[in-house]
Amino acid sequence: MSDRVTDQAGSDKFGYTWGDARHHTQSTLNVSAEDAATLVEDLATVLGLEPYQIVQATPTDFVDLKNRIAEQ
């Protein structure tokens, strides 16, 4: 069993899953699946984001979010 919060099953209030968030992150940033999973986990645990918030992120949003994580 994984210790990642983002490996939990289910969906958020808009029907998005952590898998949706990982896929969006991977395709938007053109990174490996593992790098996308790590970033999504950080977005969830450090910033408290939900999948629906991550699937709306643009490349510029991801830069801003990474900077917010670094400031924590």
C-alpha atoms as a PDB file:
ATOM      1  CA  MET A   1       0.000   0.000   0.000  1.00  0.00           C
ATOM      2  CA  SER A   2       1.296   3.436  -0.933  1.00  0.00           C
ATOM      3  CA  ASP A   3       1.894   6.213   1.552  1.00  0.00           C
ATOM      4  CA  ARG A   4       0.973   8.894  -0.979  1.00  0.00           C
ATOM      5  CA  VAL A   5      -2.149  10.892  -0.234  1.00  0.00           C
ATOM      6  CA  THR A   6      -2.713  11.151  -3.969  1.00  0.00           C
ATOM      7  CA  ASP A   7      -2.904   7.377  -4.412  1.00  0.00           C
ATOM      8  CA  GLN A   8      -6.250   7.317  -2.611  1.00  0.00           C
ATOM      9  CA  ALA A   9      -9.236   6.236  -4.660  1.00  0.00           C
ATOM     10  CA  GLY A  10     -12.277   8.373  -5.246  1.00  0.00           C
ATOM     11  CA  SER A  11     -12.954  11.730  -6.772  1.00  0.00           C
ATOM     12  CA  ASP A  12     -13.371  15.301  -5.610  1.00  0.00           C
ATOM     13  CA  LYS A  13     -16.573  17.344  -5.613  1.00  0.00           C
ATOM     14  CA  PHE A  14     -16.265  17.918  -9.370  1.00  0.00           C
ATOM     15  CA  GLY A  15     -15.547  14.292 -10.227  1.00  0.00           C
ATOM     16  CA  TYR A  16     -11.796  14.621 -10.814  1.00  0.00           C
ATOM     17  CA  THR A  17      -9.398  12.016  -9.457  1.00  0.00           C
ATOM     18  CA  TRP A  18      -5.744  12.203  -8.465  1.00  0.00           C
ATOM     19  CA  GLY A  19      -5.064  10.216 -11.644  1.00  0.00           C
ATOM     20  CA  ASP A  20      -6.641  13.039 -13.642  1.00  0.00           C
ATOM     21  CA  ALA A  21      -4.408  15.523 -11.826  1.00  0.00           C
ATOM     22  CA  ARG A  22      -1.276  13.442 -12.484  1.00  0.00           C
ATOM     23  CA  HIS A  23      -2.155  13.012 -16.169  1.00  0.00           C
ATOM     24  CA  HIS A  24      -2.826  16.732 -16.613  1.00  0.00           C
ATOM     25  CA  THR A  25       0.437  17.610 -14.878  1.00  0.00           C
ATOM     26  CA  GLN A  26       2.423  15.135 -16.954  1.00  0.00           C
ATOM     27  CA  SER A  27       0.973  16.255 -20.280  1.00  0.00           C
ATOM     28  CA  THR A  28       1.040  19.979 -19.489  1.00  0.00           C
ATOM     29  CA  LEU A  29       4.634  20.002 -18.276  1.00  0.00           C
ATOM     30  CA  ASN A  30       5.894  17.155 -20.494  1.00  0.00           C
ATOM     31  CA  VAL A  31       7.490  15.376 -17.531  1.00  0.00           C
ATOM     32  CA  SER A  32       7.752  11.727 -16.537  1.00  0.00           C
ATOM     33  CA  ALA A  33       4.892  10.015 -14.748  1.00  0.00           C
ATOM     34  CA  GLU A  34       6.991   9.828 -11.568  1.00  0.00           C
ATOM     35  CA  ASP A  35       7.840  13.556 -11.676  1.00  0.00           C
ATOM     36  CA  ALA A  36       4.174  14.388 -12.232  1.00  0.00           C
ATOM     37  CA  ALA A  37       3.147  12.152  -9.320  1.00  0.00           C
ATOM     38  CA  THR A  38       5.703  13.793  -7.039  1.00  0.00           C
ATOM     39  CA  LEU A  39       4.564  17.299  -7.967  1.00  0.00           C
ATOM     40  CA  VAL A  40       0.881  16.422  -7.516  1.00  0.00           C
ATOM     41  CA  GLU A  41       1.662  14.903  -4.115  1.00  0.00           C
ATOM     42  CA  ASP A  42       3.469  18.115  -3.116  1.00  0.00           C
ATOM     43  CA  LEU A  43       0.603  20.270  -4.379  1.00  0.00           C
ATOM     44  CA  ALA A  44      -1.830  18.220  -2.319  1.00  0.00           C
ATOM     45  CA  THR A  45       0.157  17.907   0.896  1.00  0.00           C
ATOM     46  CA  VAL A  46       2.014  21.219   1.016  1.00  0.00           C
ATOM     47  CA  LEU A  47      -0.548  23.550  -0.559  1.00  0.00           C
ATOM     48  CA  GLY A  48      -3.720  21.579   0.130  1.00  0.00           C
ATOM     49  CA  LEU A  49      -4.895  21.551  -3.474  1.00  0.00           C
ATOM     50  CA  GLU A  50      -7.614  19.229  -4.742  1.00  0.00           C
ATOM     51  CA  PRO A  51      -7.593  17.452  -8.120  1.00  0.00           C
ATOM     52  CA  TYR A  52     -10.028  19.923  -9.719  1.00  0.00           C
ATOM     53  CA  GLN A  53      -7.639  22.768  -8.920  1.00  0.00           C
ATOM     54  CA  ILE A  54      -4.679  20.967 -10.449  1.00  0.00           C
ATOM     55  CA  VAL A  55      -6.441  19.965 -13.687  1.00  0.00           C
ATOM     56  CA  GLN A  56      -7.163  23.649 -14.348  1.00  0.00           C
ATOM     57  CA  ALA A  57      -3.512  24.690 -14.006  1.00  0.00           C
ATOM     58  CA  THR A  58      -1.637  26.168 -16.952  1.00  0.00           C
ATOM     59  CA  PRO A  59       2.147  25.942 -17.392  1.00  0.00           C
ATOM     60  CA  THR A  60       2.444  29.408 -15.818  1.00  0.00           C
ATOM     61  CA  ASP A  61       0.277  28.312 -12.896  1.00  0.00           C
ATOM     62  CA  PHE A  62       2.580  25.346 -12.314  1.00  0.00           C
ATOM     63  CA  VAL A  63       5.599  27.667 -12.108  1.00  0.00           C
ATOM     64  CA  ASP A  64       3.792  29.796  -9.546  1.00  0.00           C
ATOM     65  CA  LEU A  65       2.693  26.722  -7.584  1.00  0.00           C
ATOM     66  CA  LYS A  66       6.222  25.292  -7.551  1.00  0.00           C
ATOM     67  CA  ASN A  67       7.470  28.627  -6.203  1.00  0.00           C
ATOM     68  CA  ARG A  68       4.834  28.552  -3.464  1.00  0.00           C
ATOM     69  CA  ILE A  69       5.969  25.048  -2.479  1.00  0.00           C
ATOM     70  CA  ALA A  70       9.587  26.217  -2.345  1.00  0.00           C
ATOM     71  CA  GLU A  71       8.586  29.075  -0.016  1.00  0.00           C
ATOM     72  CA  GLN A  72       6.986  26.697   2.506  1.00  0.00           C
END
